[in-house]
Amino acid sequence: MKKSVIVAVALMCAASLFISCSKKAEKKSDGTIKIGIINNPPSESGYRAANVKDFESVFTAAKGYKVSTFYSLKNDEQLNAASQFITDGVDYILLSAAATDGWTSVLKKAQSNGIKVFLFDRMINVSDDLYEAAVVSDMAKEGETAVNWLKAQNLPAYNVVHIQGAMGSDAQIGRTGALDAEFAKGTMKKVVQQTATWDEAEAKKIVESVINSGEDFNVIYAENDGMAKGAVAALDEAGITHGVNGKVVVMGFDCNKWALRELLAGNWNYDGQCSPFQASVIENMIKSGNVPSKKIISDEKGFDAKKITQADIDTYGLGD
């Protein structure tokens, strides 16, 4: 009797092993890697358009990827998309989150379903065992670099119009932090601090409102190039000078080529780099299975209108 039970158990284990191996073989013979990409929409900014294009050029059908994408600036919509990708049985989720919070539950679900998650562009507030690696910009360092540059200008006063990106995003939190520290110390005055959610038209409205209020300001710190462009449009309409030798210092982020050209022309003063090129780094980790570091930070710098060259624009500028 005991011998019969042992034989039966052995046969069951063998059958189970055969089924498992059959599933793996089926996946290998199919040759397709299913990728779910969650990102902000390309219309958000020039940076995001370049970021989306980068992922589209790397994860292609010709290279054996079946890619599903979802774009939204709303965190709850992104969370729903991630849940759907898990239900669809993707192999990998690549995520640039709209906001830093709220991701723990869905990433735990992905992990329990054997789905590997890579973060790109932005960090989120989750335990690092819930994702394979993060290929990101150091947003806090971007803010520190920009504010240190601003302090080095030795202005007689710092009356700042601070135009923020989408609240709660890693980019907004990082680019805001260093400036908030100066406001708290009293070294700079916060004339207004308001979100334009990365939108050029909203940024223009914010600056128009400050101009109409009659309050004095001499710095515009906009957390992306598009919002800086909107702010400058408001200054131009009001006849307020800006840039090198102008009344108002203009600062942006992302290093679109058109924005860097504004620096070269002396119309803006500073632009902070934010690299959108993370796709090939993630693909190398997927292909090799080798994750060299939990957090891989892009090398970035800031550009000063008095020092920038055409070669800088050609090398670091995004878009056309």
C-alpha atoms as a PDB file:
ATOM      1  CA  MET A   1       0.000   0.000   0.000  1.00  0.00           C
ATOM      2  CA  LYS A   2       2.765   2.393   0.992  1.00  0.00           C
ATOM      3  CA  LYS A   3       4.634   1.589  -2.238  1.00  0.00           C
ATOM      4  CA  SER A   4       1.499   2.360  -4.306  1.00  0.00           C
ATOM      5  CA  VAL A   5       1.092   5.743  -2.631  1.00  0.00           C
ATOM      6  CA  ILE A   6       4.735   6.642  -3.286  1.00  0.00           C
ATOM      7  CA  VAL A   7       4.381   5.697  -6.950  1.00  0.00           C
ATOM      8  CA  ALA A   8       1.170   7.720  -7.285  1.00  0.00           C
ATOM      9  CA  VAL A   9       2.768  10.787  -5.709  1.00  0.00           C
ATOM     10  CA  ALA A  10       5.773  10.455  -8.002  1.00  0.00           C
ATOM     11  CA  LEU A  11       3.520  10.266 -11.041  1.00  0.00           C
ATOM     12  CA  MET A  12       1.617  13.365  -9.914  1.00  0.00           C
ATOM     13  CA  CYS A  13       4.870  15.308  -9.452  1.00  0.00           C
ATOM     14  CA  ALA A  14       6.084  14.214 -12.851  1.00  0.00           C
ATOM     15  CA  ALA A  15       2.819  15.306 -14.448  1.00  0.00           C
ATOM     16  CA  SER A  16       3.020  18.654 -12.698  1.00  0.00           C
ATOM     17  CA  LEU A  17       6.596  19.132 -13.878  1.00  0.00           C
ATOM     18  CA  PHE A  18       5.587  18.257 -17.433  1.00  0.00           C
ATOM     19  CA  ILE A  19       2.760  20.811 -17.416  1.00  0.00           C
ATOM     20  CA  SER A  20       5.092  23.497 -16.049  1.00  0.00           C
ATOM     21  CA  CYS A  21       7.743  22.742 -18.657  1.00  0.00           C
ATOM     22  CA  SER A  22       5.122  22.708 -21.403  1.00  0.00           C
ATOM     23  CA  LYS A  23       3.991  26.214 -20.425  1.00  0.00           C
ATOM     24  CA  LYS A  24       7.557  27.527 -20.477  1.00  0.00           C
ATOM     25  CA  ALA A  25       8.199  25.915 -23.834  1.00  0.00           C
ATOM     26  CA  GLU A  26       5.012  27.414 -25.238  1.00  0.00           C
ATOM     27  CA  LYS A  27       6.100  30.865 -24.133  1.00  0.00           C
ATOM     28  CA  LYS A  28       9.566  30.402 -25.631  1.00  0.00           C
ATOM     29  CA  SER A  29       8.205  29.133 -28.935  1.00  0.00           C
ATOM     30  CA  ASP A  30       5.909  32.156 -29.123  1.00  0.00           C
ATOM     31  CA  GLY A  31       8.944  34.395 -28.727  1.00  0.00           C
ATOM     32  CA  THR A  32       6.908  37.450 -27.693  1.00  0.00           C
ATOM     33  CA  ILE A  33       7.616  39.543 -24.622  1.00  0.00           C
ATOM     34  CA  LYS A  34       4.501  41.368 -23.433  1.00  0.00           C
ATOM     35  CA  ILE A  35       5.203  44.894 -22.195  1.00  0.00           C
ATOM     36  CA  GLY A  36       2.746  47.276 -20.551  1.00  0.00           C
ATOM     37  CA  ILE A  37       3.940  50.901 -20.571  1.00  0.00           C
ATOM     38  CA  ILE A  38       2.276  53.500 -18.348  1.00  0.00           C
ATOM     39  CA  ASN A  39       3.377  57.076 -18.963  1.00  0.00           C
ATOM     40  CA  ASN A  40       2.231  60.674 -19.120  1.00  0.00           C
ATOM     41  CA  PRO A  41       0.824  61.714 -22.524  1.00  0.00           C
ATOM     42  CA  PRO A  42       3.286  62.994 -25.145  1.00  0.00           C
ATOM     43  CA  SER A  43       1.293  66.238 -25.338  1.00  0.00           C
ATOM     44  CA  GLU A  44       2.384  67.057 -21.767  1.00  0.00           C
ATOM     45  CA  SER A  45       5.673  68.591 -22.915  1.00  0.00           C
ATOM     46  CA  GLY A  46       8.566  68.394 -25.352  1.00  0.00           C
ATOM     47  CA  TYR A  47      10.365  66.251 -22.800  1.00  0.00           C
ATOM     48  CA  ARG A  48       7.504  63.772 -22.680  1.00  0.00           C
ATOM     49  CA  ALA A  49       7.197  63.617 -26.454  1.00  0.00           C
ATOM     50  CA  ALA A  50      10.893  62.673 -26.623  1.00  0.00           C
ATOM     51  CA  ASN A  51      10.428  60.166 -23.799  1.00  0.00           C
ATOM     52  CA  VAL A  52       7.474  58.458 -25.509  1.00  0.00           C
ATOM     53  CA  LYS A  53       9.346  58.369 -28.826  1.00  0.00           C
ATOM     54  CA  ASP A  54      12.347  56.775 -27.106  1.00  0.00           C
ATOM     55  CA  PHE A  55      10.251  53.885 -25.761  1.00  0.00           C
ATOM     56  CA  GLU A  56       8.476  53.436 -29.093  1.00  0.00           C
ATOM     57  CA  SER A  57      11.813  53.170 -30.901  1.00  0.00           C
ATOM     58  CA  VAL A  58      13.271  50.601 -28.480  1.00  0.00           C
ATOM     59  CA  PHE A  59      10.336  48.280 -27.704  1.00  0.00           C
ATOM     60  CA  THR A  60       9.206  47.326 -31.206  1.00  0.00           C
ATOM     61  CA  ALA A  61       7.321  44.369 -32.688  1.00  0.00           C
ATOM     62  CA  ALA A  62      10.307  43.687 -34.949  1.00  0.00           C
ATOM     63  CA  LYS A  63      12.376  42.977 -31.833  1.00  0.00           C
ATOM     64  CA  GLY A  64       9.789  40.581 -30.393  1.00  0.00           C
ATOM     65  CA  TYR A  65       7.831  42.893 -28.105  1.00  0.00           C
ATOM     66  CA  LYS A  66       4.056  43.079 -27.875  1.00  0.00           C
ATOM     67  CA  VAL A  67       3.520  46.515 -26.354  1.00  0.00           C
ATOM     68  CA  SER A  68       0.404  47.998 -24.766  1.00  0.00           C
ATOM     69  CA  THR A  69       0.559  51.648 -23.725  1.00  0.00           C
ATOM     70  CA  PHE A  70      -1.548  53.869 -21.495  1.00  0.00           C
ATOM     71  CA  TYR A  71      -1.088  57.623 -21.145  1.00  0.00           C
ATOM     72  CA  SER A  72      -2.604  59.818 -18.447  1.00  0.00           C
ATOM     73  CA  LEU A  73      -1.734  62.668 -16.092  1.00  0.00           C
ATOM     74  CA  LYS A  74      -4.151  61.219 -13.512  1.00  0.00           C
ATOM     75  CA  ASN A  75      -2.765  58.760 -10.993  1.00  0.00           C
ATOM     76  CA  ASP A  76      -6.049  56.881 -10.487  1.00  0.00           C
ATOM     77  CA  GLU A  77      -6.330  56.257 -14.232  1.00  0.00           C
ATOM     78  CA  GLN A  78      -2.765  54.982 -14.320  1.00  0.00           C
ATOM     79  CA  LEU A  79      -3.487  52.654 -11.391  1.00  0.00           C
ATOM     80  CA  ASN A  80      -6.483  51.214 -13.225  1.00  0.00           C
ATOM     81  CA  ALA A  81      -4.343  50.689 -16.318  1.00  0.00           C
ATOM     82  CA  ALA A  82      -1.728  48.833 -14.281  1.00  0.00           C
ATOM     83  CA  SER A  83      -4.421  46.542 -12.867  1.00  0.00           C
ATOM     84  CA  GLN A  84      -5.652  45.840 -16.387  1.00  0.00           C
ATOM     85  CA  PHE A  85      -2.132  45.023 -17.581  1.00  0.00           C
ATOM     86  CA  ILE A  86      -1.828  42.542 -14.703  1.00  0.00           C
ATOM     87  CA  THR A  87      -5.137  40.943 -15.724  1.00  0.00           C
ATOM     88  CA  ASP A  88      -3.883  40.795 -19.332  1.00  0.00           C
ATOM     89  CA  GLY A  89      -0.832  38.858 -18.178  1.00  0.00           C
ATOM     90  CA  VAL A  90       1.978  41.110 -19.351  1.00  0.00           C
ATOM     91  CA  ASP A  91       5.544  40.057 -18.563  1.00  0.00           C
ATOM     92  CA  TYR A  92       6.756  43.541 -17.632  1.00  0.00           C
ATOM     93  CA  ILE A  93       5.216  46.825 -16.560  1.00  0.00           C
ATOM     94  CA  LEU A  94       7.258  49.961 -17.293  1.00  0.00           C
ATOM     95  CA  LEU A  95       6.004  52.873 -15.215  1.00  0.00           C
ATOM     96  CA  SER A  96       6.375  56.643 -15.082  1.00  0.00           C
ATOM     97  CA  ALA A  97       3.858  57.527 -12.402  1.00  0.00           C
ATOM     98  CA  ALA A  98       1.729  60.665 -12.427  1.00  0.00           C
ATOM     99  CA  ALA A  99       2.048  60.866  -8.623  1.00  0.00           C
ATOM    100  CA  THR A 100       4.389  59.307  -6.084  1.00  0.00           C
ATOM    101  CA  ASP A 101       1.760  57.793  -3.756  1.00  0.00           C
ATOM    102  CA  GLY A 102      -0.822  55.016  -4.049  1.00  0.00           C
ATOM    103  CA  TRP A 103       1.205  52.360  -5.875  1.00  0.00           C
ATOM    104  CA  THR A 104       1.963  49.763  -3.195  1.00  0.00           C
ATOM    105  CA  SER A 105      -1.120  47.590  -3.603  1.00  0.00           C
ATOM    106  CA  VAL A 106      -1.014  47.294  -7.388  1.00  0.00           C
ATOM    107  CA  LEU A 107       2.730  46.608  -7.422  1.00  0.00           C
ATOM    108  CA  LYS A 108       2.257  43.861  -4.829  1.00  0.00           C
ATOM    109  CA  LYS A 109      -0.375  42.368  -7.110  1.00  0.00           C
ATOM    110  CA  ALA A 110       2.024  42.520 -10.059  1.00  0.00           C
ATOM    111  CA  GLN A 111       4.718  40.820  -8.002  1.00  0.00           C
ATOM    112  CA  SER A 112       2.389  38.020  -6.884  1.00  0.00           C
ATOM    113  CA  ASN A 113       1.540  37.414 -10.544  1.00  0.00           C
ATOM    114  CA  GLY A 114       5.196  37.139 -11.538  1.00  0.00           C
ATOM    115  CA  ILE A 115       5.207  40.462 -13.399  1.00  0.00           C
ATOM    116  CA  LYS A 116       8.403  42.494 -13.189  1.00  0.00           C
ATOM    117  CA  VAL A 117       8.157  46.259 -12.836  1.00  0.00           C
ATOM    118  CA  PHE A 118      10.681  48.850 -13.966  1.00  0.00           C
ATOM    119  CA  LEU A 119      10.278  52.496 -13.020  1.00  0.00           C
ATOM    120  CA  PHE A 120      11.464  55.207 -15.380  1.00  0.00           C
ATOM    121  CA  ASP A 121      11.716  58.996 -15.264  1.00  0.00           C
ATOM    122  CA  ARG A 122      10.173  59.252 -11.776  1.00  0.00           C
ATOM    123  CA  MET A 123      10.412  57.558  -8.395  1.00  0.00           C
ATOM    124  CA  ILE A 124       7.384  56.502  -6.338  1.00  0.00           C
ATOM    125  CA  ASN A 125       6.821  55.905  -2.629  1.00  0.00           C
ATOM    126  CA  VAL A 126       6.946  52.099  -2.424  1.00  0.00           C
ATOM    127  CA  SER A 127       9.297  49.510  -0.953  1.00  0.00           C
ATOM    128  CA  ASP A 128      12.119  48.905  -3.423  1.00  0.00           C
ATOM    129  CA  ASP A 129      11.502  45.144  -3.394  1.00  0.00           C
ATOM    130  CA  LEU A 130       8.333  45.803  -5.444  1.00  0.00           C
ATOM    131  CA  TYR A 131      10.255  46.837  -8.571  1.00  0.00           C
ATOM    132  CA  GLU A 132      13.315  45.536 -10.377  1.00  0.00           C
ATOM    133  CA  ALA A 133      15.057  48.866 -10.912  1.00  0.00           C
ATOM    134  CA  ALA A 134      14.386  52.571 -11.429  1.00  0.00           C
ATOM    135  CA  VAL A 135      16.006  54.467 -14.301  1.00  0.00           C
ATOM    136  CA  VAL A 136      15.358  58.044 -13.298  1.00  0.00           C
ATOM    137  CA  SER A 137      16.439  61.625 -13.049  1.00  0.00           C
ATOM    138  CA  ASP A 138      17.465  62.971  -9.663  1.00  0.00           C
ATOM    139  CA  MET A 139      14.723  65.565  -9.477  1.00  0.00           C
ATOM    140  CA  ALA A 140      15.870  66.953  -6.135  1.00  0.00           C
ATOM    141  CA  LYS A 141      19.354  67.462  -7.568  1.00  0.00           C
ATOM    142  CA  GLU A 142      17.829  69.225 -10.600  1.00  0.00           C
ATOM    143  CA  GLY A 143      16.158  71.645  -8.206  1.00  0.00           C
ATOM    144  CA  GLU A 144      19.304  72.122  -6.127  1.00  0.00           C
ATOM    145  CA  THR A 145      21.423  72.768  -9.244  1.00  0.00           C
ATOM    146  CA  ALA A 146      18.930  75.366 -10.477  1.00  0.00           C
ATOM    147  CA  VAL A 147      18.604  77.147  -7.129  1.00  0.00           C
ATOM    148  CA  ASN A 148      22.373  77.158  -6.567  1.00  0.00           C
ATOM    149  CA  TRP A 149      22.768  78.783  -9.992  1.00  0.00           C
ATOM    150  CA  LEU A 150      20.119  81.358  -9.070  1.00  0.00           C
ATOM    151  CA  LYS A 151      21.840  82.185  -5.771  1.00  0.00           C
ATOM    152  CA  ALA A 152      25.148  82.615  -7.609  1.00  0.00           C
ATOM    153  CA  GLN A 153      23.616  85.469  -9.659  1.00  0.00           C
ATOM    154  CA  ASN A 154      23.796  87.630  -6.512  1.00  0.00           C
ATOM    155  CA  LEU A 155      20.636  89.568  -7.279  1.00  0.00           C
ATOM    156  CA  PRO A 156      19.909  92.489  -4.929  1.00  0.00           C
ATOM    157  CA  ALA A 157      16.576  90.800  -4.136  1.00  0.00           C
ATOM    158  CA  TYR A 158      14.856  87.556  -5.059  1.00  0.00           C
ATOM    159  CA  ASN A 159      11.149  88.052  -5.683  1.00  0.00           C
ATOM    160  CA  VAL A 160      10.112  84.773  -7.257  1.00  0.00           C
ATOM    161  CA  VAL A 161       7.106  83.693  -9.309  1.00  0.00           C
ATOM    162  CA  HIS A 162       7.205  79.928  -8.893  1.00  0.00           C
ATOM    163  CA  ILE A 163       5.190  77.978 -11.484  1.00  0.00           C
ATOM    164  CA  GLN A 164       4.908  74.332 -10.471  1.00  0.00           C
ATOM    165  CA  GLY A 165       4.278  71.177 -12.468  1.00  0.00           C
ATOM    166  CA  ALA A 166       1.643  68.536 -11.695  1.00  0.00           C
ATOM    167  CA  MET A 167       1.383  68.457  -7.908  1.00  0.00           C
ATOM    168  CA  GLY A 168       2.579  65.269  -6.261  1.00  0.00           C
ATOM    169  CA  SER A 169       4.715  64.158  -9.196  1.00  0.00           C
ATOM    170  CA  ASP A 170       8.348  63.324  -8.522  1.00  0.00           C
ATOM    171  CA  ALA A 171       9.443  66.108 -10.896  1.00  0.00           C
ATOM    172  CA  GLN A 172       7.348  68.728  -9.096  1.00  0.00           C
ATOM    173  CA  ILE A 173       8.432  67.614  -5.628  1.00  0.00           C
ATOM    174  CA  GLY A 174      12.109  67.557  -6.574  1.00  0.00           C
ATOM    175  CA  ARG A 175      12.191  70.857  -8.452  1.00  0.00           C
ATOM    176  CA  THR A 176      10.185  72.563  -5.698  1.00  0.00           C
ATOM    177  CA  GLY A 177      12.213  71.347  -2.708  1.00  0.00           C
ATOM    178  CA  ALA A 178      15.324  73.510  -2.976  1.00  0.00           C
ATOM    179  CA  LEU A 179      13.316  76.640  -3.716  1.00  0.00           C
ATOM    180  CA  ASP A 180      10.984  75.999  -0.782  1.00  0.00           C
ATOM    181  CA  ALA A 181      14.052  75.790   1.449  1.00  0.00           C
ATOM    182  CA  GLU A 182      15.090  79.298   0.365  1.00  0.00           C
ATOM    183  CA  PHE A 183      11.579  80.618   0.973  1.00  0.00           C
ATOM    184  CA  ALA A 184      11.639  79.088   4.455  1.00  0.00           C
ATOM    185  CA  LYS A 185      15.008  80.710   5.242  1.00  0.00           C
ATOM    186  CA  GLY A 186      13.807  84.093   3.990  1.00  0.00           C
ATOM    187  CA  THR A 187      16.605  84.393   1.412  1.00  0.00           C
ATOM    188  CA  MET A 188      14.006  84.528  -1.355  1.00  0.00           C
ATOM    189  CA  LYS A 189      10.473  85.888  -1.394  1.00  0.00           C
ATOM    190  CA  LYS A 190       7.594  83.779  -2.695  1.00  0.00           C
ATOM    191  CA  VAL A 191       5.511  86.231  -4.749  1.00  0.00           C
ATOM    192  CA  VAL A 192       3.296  83.395  -5.931  1.00  0.00           C
ATOM    193  CA  GLN A 193       3.611  79.606  -5.966  1.00  0.00           C
ATOM    194  CA  GLN A 194       1.015  77.938  -8.136  1.00  0.00           C
ATOM    195  CA  THR A 195       0.683  74.885 -10.346  1.00  0.00           C
ATOM    196  CA  ALA A 196       0.097  75.136 -14.089  1.00  0.00           C
ATOM    197  CA  THR A 197       0.216  71.316 -14.409  1.00  0.00           C
ATOM    198  CA  TRP A 198       2.942  71.581 -17.079  1.00  0.00           C
ATOM    199  CA  ASP A 199       0.635  73.673 -19.280  1.00  0.00           C
ATOM    200  CA  GLU A 200       1.887  76.711 -21.229  1.00  0.00           C
ATOM    201  CA  ALA A 201      -1.457  78.544 -21.332  1.00  0.00           C
ATOM    202  CA  GLU A 202      -2.031  78.126 -17.583  1.00  0.00           C
ATOM    203  CA  ALA A 203       1.457  79.445 -16.835  1.00  0.00           C
ATOM    204  CA  LYS A 204       0.715  82.536 -18.938  1.00  0.00           C
ATOM    205  CA  LYS A 205      -2.465  83.156 -16.912  1.00  0.00           C
ATOM    206  CA  ILE A 206      -0.536  82.902 -13.632  1.00  0.00           C
ATOM    207  CA  VAL A 207       2.015  85.506 -14.712  1.00  0.00           C
ATOM    208  CA  GLU A 208      -0.686  87.772 -16.156  1.00  0.00           C
ATOM    209  CA  SER A 209      -2.426  87.674 -12.779  1.00  0.00           C
ATOM    210  CA  VAL A 210       0.775  88.646 -10.947  1.00  0.00           C
ATOM    211  CA  ILE A 211       1.423  91.499 -13.406  1.00  0.00           C
ATOM    212  CA  ASN A 212      -2.133  92.780 -12.987  1.00  0.00           C
ATOM    213  CA  SER A 213      -1.762  92.674  -9.188  1.00  0.00           C
ATOM    214  CA  GLY A 214       1.102  95.166  -9.419  1.00  0.00           C
ATOM    215  CA  GLU A 215       3.343  93.089  -7.139  1.00  0.00           C
ATOM    216  CA  ASP A 216       7.031  93.340  -7.969  1.00  0.00           C
ATOM    217  CA  PHE A 217       8.957  90.266  -9.143  1.00  0.00           C
ATOM    218  CA  ASN A 218      12.279  89.632 -10.843  1.00  0.00           C
ATOM    219  CA  VAL A 219      12.502  85.821 -11.155  1.00  0.00           C
ATOM    220  CA  ILE A 220      10.302  83.290 -12.917  1.00  0.00           C
ATOM    221  CA  TYR A 221      11.122  79.732 -11.896  1.00  0.00           C
ATOM    222  CA  ALA A 222       9.041  77.468 -14.136  1.00  0.00           C
ATOM    223  CA  GLU A 223       9.312  73.718 -13.643  1.00  0.00           C
ATOM    224  CA  ASN A 224       9.319  72.926 -17.366  1.00  0.00           C
ATOM    225  CA  ASP A 225      10.097  74.704 -20.630  1.00  0.00           C
ATOM    226  CA  GLY A 226       6.500  74.927 -21.793  1.00  0.00           C
ATOM    227  CA  MET A 227       5.439  76.815 -18.665  1.00  0.00           C
ATOM    228  CA  ALA A 228       8.460  79.118 -18.981  1.00  0.00           C
ATOM    229  CA  LYS A 229       7.379  79.862 -22.551  1.00  0.00           C
ATOM    230  CA  GLY A 230       3.875  80.772 -21.381  1.00  0.00           C
ATOM    231  CA  ALA A 231       5.318  83.000 -18.664  1.00  0.00           C
ATOM    232  CA  VAL A 232       7.530  84.837 -21.169  1.00  0.00           C
ATOM    233  CA  ALA A 233       4.543  85.410 -23.464  1.00  0.00           C
ATOM    234  CA  ALA A 234       2.838  87.247 -20.591  1.00  0.00           C
ATOM    235  CA  LEU A 235       5.967  89.345 -19.977  1.00  0.00           C
ATOM    236  CA  ASP A 236       6.226  90.254 -23.666  1.00  0.00           C
ATOM    237  CA  GLU A 237       2.596  91.345 -23.839  1.00  0.00           C
ATOM    238  CA  ALA A 238       3.142  93.565 -20.797  1.00  0.00           C
ATOM    239  CA  GLY A 239       6.388  95.028 -22.176  1.00  0.00           C
ATOM    240  CA  ILE A 240       8.505  93.623 -19.329  1.00  0.00           C
ATOM    241  CA  THR A 241      12.093  92.806 -20.289  1.00  0.00           C
ATOM    242  CA  HIS A 242      13.580  89.415 -19.467  1.00  0.00           C
ATOM    243  CA  GLY A 243      16.656  87.253 -19.926  1.00  0.00           C
ATOM    244  CA  VAL A 244      20.255  88.480 -20.019  1.00  0.00           C
ATOM    245  CA  ASN A 245      20.271  92.198 -19.086  1.00  0.00           C
ATOM    246  CA  GLY A 246      16.471  92.107 -18.647  1.00  0.00           C
ATOM    247  CA  LYS A 247      14.400  92.867 -15.552  1.00  0.00           C
ATOM    248  CA  VAL A 248      13.181  89.287 -15.025  1.00  0.00           C
ATOM    249  CA  VAL A 249      15.334  86.167 -14.783  1.00  0.00           C
ATOM    250  CA  VAL A 250      13.650  83.287 -16.637  1.00  0.00           C
ATOM    251  CA  MET A 251      14.322  79.655 -15.659  1.00  0.00           C
ATOM    252  CA  GLY A 252      12.972  76.462 -17.200  1.00  0.00           C
ATOM    253  CA  PHE A 253      13.658  72.725 -17.240  1.00  0.00           C
ATOM    254  CA  ASP A 254      13.952  69.908 -19.818  1.00  0.00           C
ATOM    255  CA  CYS A 255      16.327  71.386 -22.436  1.00  0.00           C
ATOM    256  CA  ASN A 256      14.144  71.356 -25.505  1.00  0.00           C
ATOM    257  CA  LYS A 257      16.171  72.693 -28.451  1.00  0.00           C
ATOM    258  CA  TRP A 258      13.802  75.619 -28.910  1.00  0.00           C
ATOM    259  CA  ALA A 259      14.241  76.516 -25.222  1.00  0.00           C
ATOM    260  CA  LEU A 260      18.036  76.319 -25.405  1.00  0.00           C
ATOM    261  CA  ARG A 261      17.877  78.602 -28.444  1.00  0.00           C
ATOM    262  CA  GLU A 262      16.099  81.126 -26.195  1.00  0.00           C
ATOM    263  CA  LEU A 263      19.096  80.930 -23.865  1.00  0.00           C
ATOM    264  CA  LEU A 264      21.549  81.386 -26.728  1.00  0.00           C
ATOM    265  CA  ALA A 265      19.597  84.456 -27.856  1.00  0.00           C
ATOM    266  CA  GLY A 266      19.684  85.833 -24.306  1.00  0.00           C
ATOM    267  CA  ASN A 267      15.888  85.758 -23.890  1.00  0.00           C
ATOM    268  CA  TRP A 268      16.028  83.200 -21.052  1.00  0.00           C
ATOM    269  CA  ASN A 269      18.682  82.776 -18.371  1.00  0.00           C
ATOM    270  CA  TYR A 270      18.776  79.111 -17.307  1.00  0.00           C
ATOM    271  CA  ASP A 271      17.524  75.698 -18.356  1.00  0.00           C
ATOM    272  CA  GLY A 272      17.892  72.496 -16.341  1.00  0.00           C
ATOM    273  CA  GLN A 273      18.528  69.236 -18.174  1.00  0.00           C
ATOM    274  CA  CYS A 274      16.225  66.232 -17.712  1.00  0.00           C
ATOM    275  CA  SER A 275      17.171  63.220 -19.820  1.00  0.00           C
ATOM    276  CA  PRO A 276      14.227  61.342 -21.406  1.00  0.00           C
ATOM    277  CA  PHE A 277      16.316  58.420 -22.642  1.00  0.00           C
ATOM    278  CA  GLN A 278      15.703  55.447 -20.351  1.00  0.00           C
ATOM    279  CA  ALA A 279      14.284  52.774 -22.682  1.00  0.00           C
ATOM    280  CA  SER A 280      17.531  51.193 -23.885  1.00  0.00           C
ATOM    281  CA  VAL A 281      18.841  50.951 -20.302  1.00  0.00           C
ATOM    282  CA  ILE A 282      15.701  49.047 -19.281  1.00  0.00           C
ATOM    283  CA  GLU A 283      15.834  46.839 -22.373  1.00  0.00           C
ATOM    284  CA  ASN A 284      19.426  45.853 -21.595  1.00  0.00           C
ATOM    285  CA  MET A 285      18.333  44.712 -18.127  1.00  0.00           C
ATOM    286  CA  ILE A 286      15.384  42.758 -19.540  1.00  0.00           C
ATOM    287  CA  LYS A 287      17.546  41.032 -22.164  1.00  0.00           C
ATOM    288  CA  SER A 288      20.500  40.247 -19.912  1.00  0.00           C
ATOM    289  CA  GLY A 289      18.640  39.620 -16.671  1.00  0.00           C
ATOM    290  CA  ASN A 290      21.376  41.690 -15.037  1.00  0.00           C
ATOM    291  CA  VAL A 291      20.313  44.631 -12.870  1.00  0.00           C
ATOM    292  CA  PRO A 292      23.486  46.529 -11.944  1.00  0.00           C
ATOM    293  CA  SER A 293      21.782  48.829  -9.465  1.00  0.00           C
ATOM    294  CA  LYS A 294      18.363  49.330  -7.919  1.00  0.00           C
ATOM    295  CA  LYS A 295      18.466  53.007  -8.868  1.00  0.00           C
ATOM    296  CA  ILE A 296      20.169  54.177 -12.055  1.00  0.00           C
ATOM    297  CA  ILE A 297      20.401  57.957 -12.230  1.00  0.00           C
ATOM    298  CA  SER A 298      20.782  59.858 -15.483  1.00  0.00           C
ATOM    299  CA  ASP A 299      23.713  62.284 -15.668  1.00  0.00           C
ATOM    300  CA  GLU A 300      22.342  65.817 -16.039  1.00  0.00           C
ATOM    301  CA  LYS A 301      23.450  69.441 -15.876  1.00  0.00           C
ATOM    302  CA  GLY A 302      22.146  73.006 -16.041  1.00  0.00           C
ATOM    303  CA  PHE A 303      22.788  75.569 -18.790  1.00  0.00           C
ATOM    304  CA  ASP A 304      23.529  79.278 -18.353  1.00  0.00           C
ATOM    305  CA  ALA A 305      22.584  81.724 -21.117  1.00  0.00           C
ATOM    306  CA  LYS A 306      25.961  83.462 -20.791  1.00  0.00           C
ATOM    307  CA  LYS A 307      27.881  80.228 -21.380  1.00  0.00           C
ATOM    308  CA  ILE A 308      25.750  78.054 -23.662  1.00  0.00           C
ATOM    309  CA  THR A 309      26.978  77.284 -27.192  1.00  0.00           C
ATOM    310  CA  GLN A 310      25.393  75.955 -30.363  1.00  0.00           C
ATOM    311  CA  ALA A 311      27.342  72.743 -29.755  1.00  0.00           C
ATOM    312  CA  ASP A 312      25.491  72.363 -26.422  1.00  0.00           C
ATOM    313  CA  ILE A 313      22.163  72.746 -28.190  1.00  0.00           C
ATOM    314  CA  ASP A 314      23.133  70.185 -30.833  1.00  0.00           C
ATOM    315  CA  THR A 315      24.344  67.714 -28.193  1.00  0.00           C
ATOM    316  CA  TYR A 316      21.807  68.086 -25.385  1.00  0.00           C
ATOM    317  CA  GLY A 317      18.719  69.657 -26.944  1.00  0.00           C
ATOM    318  CA  LEU A 318      15.520  67.646 -27.355  1.00  0.00           C
ATOM    319  CA  GLY A 319      13.308  67.731 -30.440  1.00  0.00           C
ATOM    320  CA  ASP A 320      13.784  70.015 -33.411  1.00  0.00           C
END
